């Protein structure tokens, strides 16, 4: 179960990092594709940053527990 949770966290982290809104004025912002689904672009960026931090800590904690169980 813990290994499944760790795998889900790692996949979610990869997807969120790849889909994250760029902070520069790139091509996506020129076409208004950055119209956020979570509110303003700053609010969206902060929400995604919080989710990424939470998933990172959850992944590291679950990996540490799995390592200690195997050792």
PDB file of N, CA and C in Angstrom:
ATOM      1  N   UNK A   1       0.821  -1.196   0.000  1.00  0.00           N
ATOM      2  CA  UNK A   1       0.000   0.000   0.000  1.00  0.00           C
ATOM      3  C   UNK A   1       0.861   1.254   0.000  1.00  0.00           C
ATOM      4  N   UNK A   2       1.906   1.245   0.820  1.00  0.00           N
ATOM      5  CA  UNK A   2       2.785   2.403   0.897  1.00  0.00           C
ATOM      6  C   UNK A   2       3.569   2.576  -0.399  1.00  0.00           C
ATOM      7  N   UNK A   3       3.930   1.482  -1.028  1.00  0.00           N
ATOM      8  CA  UNK A   3       4.641   1.568  -2.298  1.00  0.00           C
ATOM      9  C   UNK A   3       3.719   2.115  -3.389  1.00  0.00           C
ATOM     10  N   UNK A   4       2.465   1.752  -3.351  1.00  0.00           N
ATOM     11  CA  UNK A   4       1.486   2.283  -4.301  1.00  0.00           C
ATOM     12  C   UNK A   4       1.324   3.794  -4.110  1.00  0.00           C
ATOM     13  N   UNK A   5       1.240   4.249  -2.853  1.00  0.00           N
ATOM     14  CA  UNK A   5       1.133   5.669  -2.545  1.00  0.00           C
ATOM     15  C   UNK A   5       2.363   6.424  -3.024  1.00  0.00           C
ATOM     16  N   UNK A   6       3.534   5.843  -2.842  1.00  0.00           N
ATOM     17  CA  UNK A   6       4.776   6.458  -3.298  1.00  0.00           C
ATOM     18  C   UNK A   6       4.798   6.576  -4.820  1.00  0.00           C
ATOM     19  N   UNK A   7       4.322   5.555  -5.510  1.00  0.00           N
ATOM     20  CA  UNK A   7       4.270   5.585  -6.978  1.00  0.00           C
ATOM     21  C   UNK A   7       3.292   6.643  -7.475  1.00  0.00           C
ATOM     22  N   UNK A   8       2.143   6.750  -6.825  1.00  0.00           N
ATOM     23  CA  UNK A   8       1.158   7.762  -7.204  1.00  0.00           C
ATOM     24  C   UNK A   8       1.724   9.163  -6.979  1.00  0.00           C
ATOM     25  N   UNK A   9       2.406   9.383  -5.856  1.00  0.00           N
ATOM     26  CA  UNK A   9       3.012  10.692  -5.577  1.00  0.00           C
ATOM     27  C   UNK A   9       4.049  11.052  -6.630  1.00  0.00           C
ATOM     28  N   UNK A  10       4.879  10.096  -6.995  1.00  0.00           N
ATOM     29  CA  UNK A  10       5.929  10.394  -7.966  1.00  0.00           C
ATOM     30  C   UNK A  10       5.337  10.694  -9.346  1.00  0.00           C
ATOM     31  N   UNK A  11       4.317   9.948  -9.756  1.00  0.00           N
ATOM     32  CA  UNK A  11       3.677  10.219 -11.053  1.00  0.00           C
ATOM     33  C   UNK A  11       2.982  11.570 -11.051  1.00  0.00           C
ATOM     34  N   UNK A  12       2.296  11.897  -9.958  1.00  0.00           N
ATOM     35  CA  UNK A  12       1.623  13.191  -9.860  1.00  0.00           C
ATOM     36  C   UNK A  12       2.629  14.332  -9.877  1.00  0.00           C
ATOM     37  N   UNK A  13       3.764  14.157  -9.214  1.00  0.00           N
ATOM     38  CA  UNK A  13       4.806  15.181  -9.233  1.00  0.00           C
ATOM     39  C   UNK A  13       5.333  15.420 -10.637  1.00  0.00           C
ATOM     40  N   UNK A  14       5.583  14.354 -11.361  1.00  0.00           N
ATOM     41  CA  UNK A  14       6.091  14.493 -12.728  1.00  0.00           C
ATOM     42  C   UNK A  14       5.087  15.238 -13.600  1.00  0.00           C
ATOM     43  N   UNK A  15       3.823  14.861 -13.500  1.00  0.00           N
ATOM     44  CA  UNK A  15       2.789  15.508 -14.318  1.00  0.00           C
ATOM     45  C   UNK A  15       2.639  16.978 -13.951  1.00  0.00           C
ATOM     46  N   UNK A  16       2.602  17.292 -12.648  1.00  0.00           N
ATOM     47  CA  UNK A  16       2.431  18.683 -12.240  1.00  0.00           C
ATOM     48  C   UNK A  16       3.622  19.551 -12.619  1.00  0.00           C
ATOM     49  N   UNK A  17       4.814  19.006 -12.516  1.00  0.00           N
ATOM     50  CA  UNK A  17       5.994  19.785 -12.891  1.00  0.00           C
ATOM     51  C   UNK A  17       6.000  20.046 -14.386  1.00  0.00           C
ATOM     52  N   UNK A  18       5.591  19.076 -15.179  1.00  0.00           N
ATOM     53  CA  UNK A  18       5.566  19.270 -16.624  1.00  0.00           C
ATOM     54  C   UNK A  18       4.454  20.220 -17.068  1.00  0.00           C
ATOM     55  N   UNK A  19       3.341  20.252 -16.359  1.00  0.00           N
ATOM     56  CA  UNK A  19       2.206  21.088 -16.738  1.00  0.00           C
ATOM     57  C   UNK A  19       2.211  22.465 -16.089  1.00  0.00           C
ATOM     58  N   UNK A  20       3.189  22.731 -15.275  1.00  0.00           N
ATOM     59  CA  UNK A  20       3.225  23.987 -14.519  1.00  0.00           C
ATOM     60  C   UNK A  20       3.297  25.188 -15.456  1.00  0.00           C
ATOM     61  N   UNK A  21       2.602  26.246 -15.086  1.00  0.00           N
ATOM     62  CA  UNK A  21       2.571  27.461 -15.899  1.00  0.00           C
ATOM     63  C   UNK A  21       3.943  28.129 -15.828  1.00  0.00           C
ATOM     64  N   UNK A  22       4.546  28.464 -16.998  1.00  0.00           N
ATOM     65  CA  UNK A  22       5.845  29.126 -16.974  1.00  0.00           C
ATOM     66  C   UNK A  22       5.744  30.523 -16.358  1.00  0.00           C
ATOM     67  N   UNK A  23       6.803  30.962 -15.658  1.00  0.00           N
ATOM     68  CA  UNK A  23       6.770  32.251 -14.995  1.00  0.00           C
ATOM     69  C   UNK A  23       7.215  33.386 -15.910  1.00  0.00           C
ATOM     70  N   UNK A  24       7.713  33.070 -17.081  1.00  0.00           N
ATOM     71  CA  UNK A  24       8.105  34.101 -18.032  1.00  0.00           C
ATOM     72  C   UNK A  24       6.992  34.300 -19.047  1.00  0.00           C
ATOM     73  N   UNK A  25       7.085  35.327 -19.828  1.00  0.00           N
ATOM     74  CA  UNK A  25       6.091  35.568 -20.868  1.00  0.00           C
ATOM     75  C   UNK A  25       6.413  34.712 -22.074  1.00  0.00           C
ATOM     76  N   UNK A  26       6.033  33.460 -21.991  1.00  0.00           N
ATOM     77  CA  UNK A  26       6.321  32.513 -23.060  1.00  0.00           C
ATOM     78  C   UNK A  26       5.196  32.459 -24.063  1.00  0.00           C
ATOM     79  N   UNK A  27       5.292  31.502 -24.959  1.00  0.00           N
ATOM     80  CA  UNK A  27       4.309  31.359 -26.020  1.00  0.00           C
ATOM     81  C   UNK A  27       2.917  31.033 -25.520  1.00  0.00           C
ATOM     82  N   UNK A  28       2.815  30.282 -24.436  1.00  0.00           N
ATOM     83  CA  UNK A  28       1.498  29.900 -23.933  1.00  0.00           C
ATOM     84  C   UNK A  28       0.719  31.117 -23.457  1.00  0.00           C
ATOM     85  N   UNK A  29       1.403  32.093 -22.888  1.00  0.00           N
ATOM     86  CA  UNK A  29       0.705  33.274 -22.413  1.00  0.00           C
ATOM     87  C   UNK A  29       0.304  34.186 -23.564  1.00  0.00           C
ATOM     88  N   UNK A  30       1.012  34.101 -24.680  1.00  0.00           N
ATOM     89  CA  UNK A  30       0.654  34.914 -25.834  1.00  0.00           C
ATOM     90  C   UNK A  30      -0.672  34.480 -26.440  1.00  0.00           C
ATOM     91  N   UNK A  31      -1.036  33.238 -26.312  1.00  0.00           N
ATOM     92  CA  UNK A  31      -2.269  32.709 -26.889  1.00  0.00           C
ATOM     93  C   UNK A  31      -3.395  32.608 -25.864  1.00  0.00           C
ATOM     94  N   UNK A  32      -3.210  33.214 -24.702  1.00  0.00           N
ATOM     95  CA  UNK A  32      -4.203  33.185 -23.622  1.00  0.00           C
ATOM     96  C   UNK A  32      -4.526  31.765 -23.174  1.00  0.00           C
ATOM     97  N   UNK A  33      -3.583  30.865 -23.274  1.00  0.00           N
ATOM     98  CA  UNK A  33      -3.791  29.507 -22.771  1.00  0.00           C
ATOM     99  C   UNK A  33      -3.535  29.433 -21.277  1.00  0.00           C
ATOM    100  N   UNK A  34      -3.000  30.512 -20.730  1.00  0.00           N
ATOM    101  CA  UNK A  34      -2.724  30.510 -19.305  1.00  0.00           C
ATOM    102  C   UNK A  34      -3.931  30.952 -18.499  1.00  0.00           C
ATOM    103  N   UNK A  35      -5.078  31.119 -19.134  1.00  0.00           N
ATOM    104  CA  UNK A  35      -6.288  31.422 -18.393  1.00  0.00           C
ATOM    105  C   UNK A  35      -6.515  30.285 -17.416  1.00  0.00           C
ATOM    106  N   UNK A  36      -6.307  30.581 -16.168  1.00  0.00           N
ATOM    107  CA  UNK A  36      -6.192  29.515 -15.187  1.00  0.00           C
ATOM    108  C   UNK A  36      -7.543  28.939 -14.794  1.00  0.00           C
ATOM    109  N   UNK A  37      -7.523  27.710 -14.400  1.00  0.00           N
ATOM    110  CA  UNK A  37      -8.722  27.029 -13.953  1.00  0.00           C
ATOM    111  C   UNK A  37      -8.852  27.095 -12.443  1.00  0.00           C
ATOM    112  N   UNK A  38      -7.863  27.668 -11.761  1.00  0.00           N
ATOM    113  CA  UNK A  38      -7.914  27.770 -10.302  1.00  0.00           C
ATOM    114  C   UNK A  38      -7.985  29.220  -9.833  1.00  0.00           C
ATOM    115  N   UNK A  39      -8.236  30.151 -10.708  1.00  0.00           N
ATOM    116  CA  UNK A  39      -8.283  31.557 -10.329  1.00  0.00           C
ATOM    117  C   UNK A  39      -7.268  32.350 -11.116  1.00  0.00           C
ATOM    118  N   UNK A  40      -6.737  33.390 -10.498  1.00  0.00           N
ATOM    119  CA  UNK A  40      -5.754  34.240 -11.171  1.00  0.00           C
ATOM    120  C   UNK A  40      -4.451  33.456 -11.380  1.00  0.00           C
ATOM    121  N   UNK A  41      -3.634  33.888 -12.337  1.00  0.00           N
ATOM    122  CA  UNK A  41      -2.369  33.165 -12.571  1.00  0.00           C
ATOM    123  C   UNK A  41      -1.477  33.087 -11.340  1.00  0.00           C
ATOM    124  N   UNK A  42      -1.453  34.158 -10.534  1.00  0.00           N
ATOM    125  CA  UNK A  42      -0.628  34.131  -9.320  1.00  0.00           C
ATOM    126  C   UNK A  42      -1.199  33.139  -8.313  1.00  0.00           C
ATOM    127  N   UNK A  43      -2.517  33.111  -8.178  1.00  0.00           N
ATOM    128  CA  UNK A  43      -3.175  32.172  -7.273  1.00  0.00           C
ATOM    129  C   UNK A  43      -2.963  30.734  -7.744  1.00  0.00           C
ATOM    130  N   UNK A  44      -3.063  30.526  -9.036  1.00  0.00           N
ATOM    131  CA  UNK A  44      -2.843  29.195  -9.602  1.00  0.00           C
ATOM    132  C   UNK A  44      -1.418  28.732  -9.351  1.00  0.00           C
ATOM    133  N   UNK A  45      -0.465  29.630  -9.581  1.00  0.00           N
ATOM    134  CA  UNK A  45       0.932  29.281  -9.376  1.00  0.00           C
ATOM    135  C   UNK A  45       1.205  28.931  -7.916  1.00  0.00           C
ATOM    136  N   UNK A  46       0.630  29.686  -7.002  1.00  0.00           N
ATOM    137  CA  UNK A  46       0.824  29.405  -5.569  1.00  0.00           C
ATOM    138  C   UNK A  46       0.164  28.090  -5.176  1.00  0.00           C
ATOM    139  N   UNK A  47      -1.018  27.812  -5.711  1.00  0.00           N
ATOM    140  CA  UNK A  47      -1.706  26.557  -5.407  1.00  0.00           C
ATOM    141  C   UNK A  47      -0.911  25.360  -5.933  1.00  0.00           C
ATOM    142  N   UNK A  48      -0.430  25.461  -7.179  1.00  0.00           N
ATOM    143  CA  UNK A  48       0.378  24.371  -7.735  1.00  0.00           C
ATOM    144  C   UNK A  48       1.674  24.192  -6.964  1.00  0.00           C
ATOM    145  N   UNK A  49       2.278  25.299  -6.536  1.00  0.00           N
ATOM    146  CA  UNK A  49       3.511  25.217  -5.746  1.00  0.00           C
ATOM    147  C   UNK A  49       3.258  24.497  -4.423  1.00  0.00           C
ATOM    148  N   UNK A  50       2.136  24.808  -3.770  1.00  0.00           N
ATOM    149  CA  UNK A  50       1.793  24.138  -2.507  1.00  0.00           C
ATOM    150  C   UNK A  50       1.544  22.651  -2.721  1.00  0.00           C
ATOM    151  N   UNK A  51       0.846  22.305  -3.806  1.00  0.00           N
ATOM    152  CA  UNK A  51       0.582  20.890  -4.099  1.00  0.00           C
ATOM    153  C   UNK A  51       1.883  20.153  -4.382  1.00  0.00           C
ATOM    154  N   UNK A  52       2.783  20.784  -5.124  1.00  0.00           N
ATOM    155  CA  UNK A  52       4.072  20.153  -5.440  1.00  0.00           C
ATOM    156  C   UNK A  52       4.884  19.935  -4.171  1.00  0.00           C
ATOM    157  N   UNK A  53       4.906  20.926  -3.278  1.00  0.00           N
ATOM    158  CA  UNK A  53       5.636  20.751  -2.015  1.00  0.00           C
ATOM    159  C   UNK A  53       5.037  19.627  -1.173  1.00  0.00           C
ATOM    160  N   UNK A  54       3.702  19.581  -1.085  1.00  0.00           N
ATOM    161  CA  UNK A  54       3.051  18.529  -0.314  1.00  0.00           C
ATOM    162  C   UNK A  54       3.372  17.148  -0.878  1.00  0.00           C
ATOM    163  N   UNK A  55       3.268  17.002  -2.202  1.00  0.00           N
ATOM    164  CA  UNK A  55       3.561  15.706  -2.821  1.00  0.00           C
ATOM    165  C   UNK A  55       5.029  15.329  -2.674  1.00  0.00           C
ATOM    166  N   UNK A  56       5.914  16.321  -2.729  1.00  0.00           N
ATOM    167  CA  UNK A  56       7.341  16.045  -2.545  1.00  0.00           C
ATOM    168  C   UNK A  56       7.613  15.522  -1.143  1.00  0.00           C
ATOM    169  N   UNK A  57       7.062  16.187  -0.140  1.00  0.00           N
ATOM    170  CA  UNK A  57       7.268  15.734   1.241  1.00  0.00           C
ATOM    171  C   UNK A  57       6.627  14.371   1.484  1.00  0.00           C
ATOM    172  N   UNK A  58       5.441  14.145   0.919  1.00  0.00           N
ATOM    173  CA  UNK A  58       4.783  12.846   1.078  1.00  0.00           C
ATOM    174  C   UNK A  58       5.596  11.747   0.404  1.00  0.00           C
ATOM    175  N   UNK A  59       6.147  12.039  -0.778  1.00  0.00           N
ATOM    176  CA  UNK A  59       6.971  11.055  -1.480  1.00  0.00           C
ATOM    177  C   UNK A  59       8.243  10.741  -0.682  1.00  0.00           C
ATOM    178  N   UNK A  60       8.918  11.770  -0.194  1.00  0.00           N
ATOM    179  CA  UNK A  60      10.145  11.543   0.576  1.00  0.00           C
ATOM    180  C   UNK A  60       9.863  10.769   1.863  1.00  0.00           C
ATOM    181  N   UNK A  61       8.774  11.102   2.536  1.00  0.00           N
ATOM    182  CA  UNK A  61       8.428  10.398   3.773  1.00  0.00           C
ATOM    183  C   UNK A  61       8.082   8.935   3.496  1.00  0.00           C
ATOM    184  N   UNK A  62       7.290   8.684   2.466  1.00  0.00           N
ATOM    185  CA  UNK A  62       6.925   7.299   2.169  1.00  0.00           C
ATOM    186  C   UNK A  62       8.140   6.491   1.701  1.00  0.00           C
ATOM    187  N   UNK A  63       9.034   7.119   0.953  1.00  0.00           N
ATOM    188  CA  UNK A  63      10.247   6.437   0.522  1.00  0.00           C
ATOM    189  C   UNK A  63      11.145   6.118   1.710  1.00  0.00           C
ATOM    190  N   UNK A  64      11.236   7.057   2.645  1.00  0.00           N
ATOM    191  CA  UNK A  64      12.050   6.821   3.838  1.00  0.00           C
ATOM    192  C   UNK A  64      11.482   5.669   4.672  1.00  0.00           C
ATOM    193  N   UNK A  65      10.173   5.629   4.817  1.00  0.00           N
ATOM    194  CA  UNK A  65       9.547   4.539   5.585  1.00  0.00           C
ATOM    195  C   UNK A  65       9.759   3.206   4.883  1.00  0.00           C
ATOM    196  N   UNK A  66       9.617   3.192   3.553  1.00  0.00           N
ATOM    197  CA  UNK A  66       9.856   1.947   2.803  1.00  0.00           C
ATOM    198  C   UNK A  66      11.307   1.483   2.938  1.00  0.00           C
ATOM    199  N   UNK A  67      12.227   2.420   2.927  1.00  0.00           N
ATOM    200  CA  UNK A  67      13.644   2.063   3.062  1.00  0.00           C
ATOM    201  C   UNK A  67      13.935   1.496   4.448  1.00  0.00           C
ATOM    202  N   UNK A  68      13.353   2.094   5.488  1.00  0.00           N
ATOM    203  CA  UNK A  68      13.581   1.603   6.837  1.00  0.00           C
ATOM    204  C   UNK A  68      12.955   0.235   7.046  1.00  0.00           C
ATOM    205  N   UNK A  69      11.822  -0.030   6.395  1.00  0.00           N
ATOM    206  CA  UNK A  69      11.168  -1.336   6.525  1.00  0.00           C
ATOM    207  C   UNK A  69      11.999  -2.426   5.857  1.00  0.00           C
ATOM    208  N   UNK A  70      12.681  -2.091   4.766  1.00  0.00           N
ATOM    209  CA  UNK A  70      13.468  -3.091   4.066  1.00  0.00           C
ATOM    210  C   UNK A  70      14.796  -3.361   4.758  1.00  0.00           C
ATOM    211  N   UNK A  71      15.287  -2.389   5.515  1.00  0.00           N
ATOM    212  CA  UNK A  71      16.608  -2.509   6.130  1.00  0.00           C
ATOM    213  C   UNK A  71      16.649  -3.231   7.405  1.00  0.00           C
TER     214      UNK A  71
END
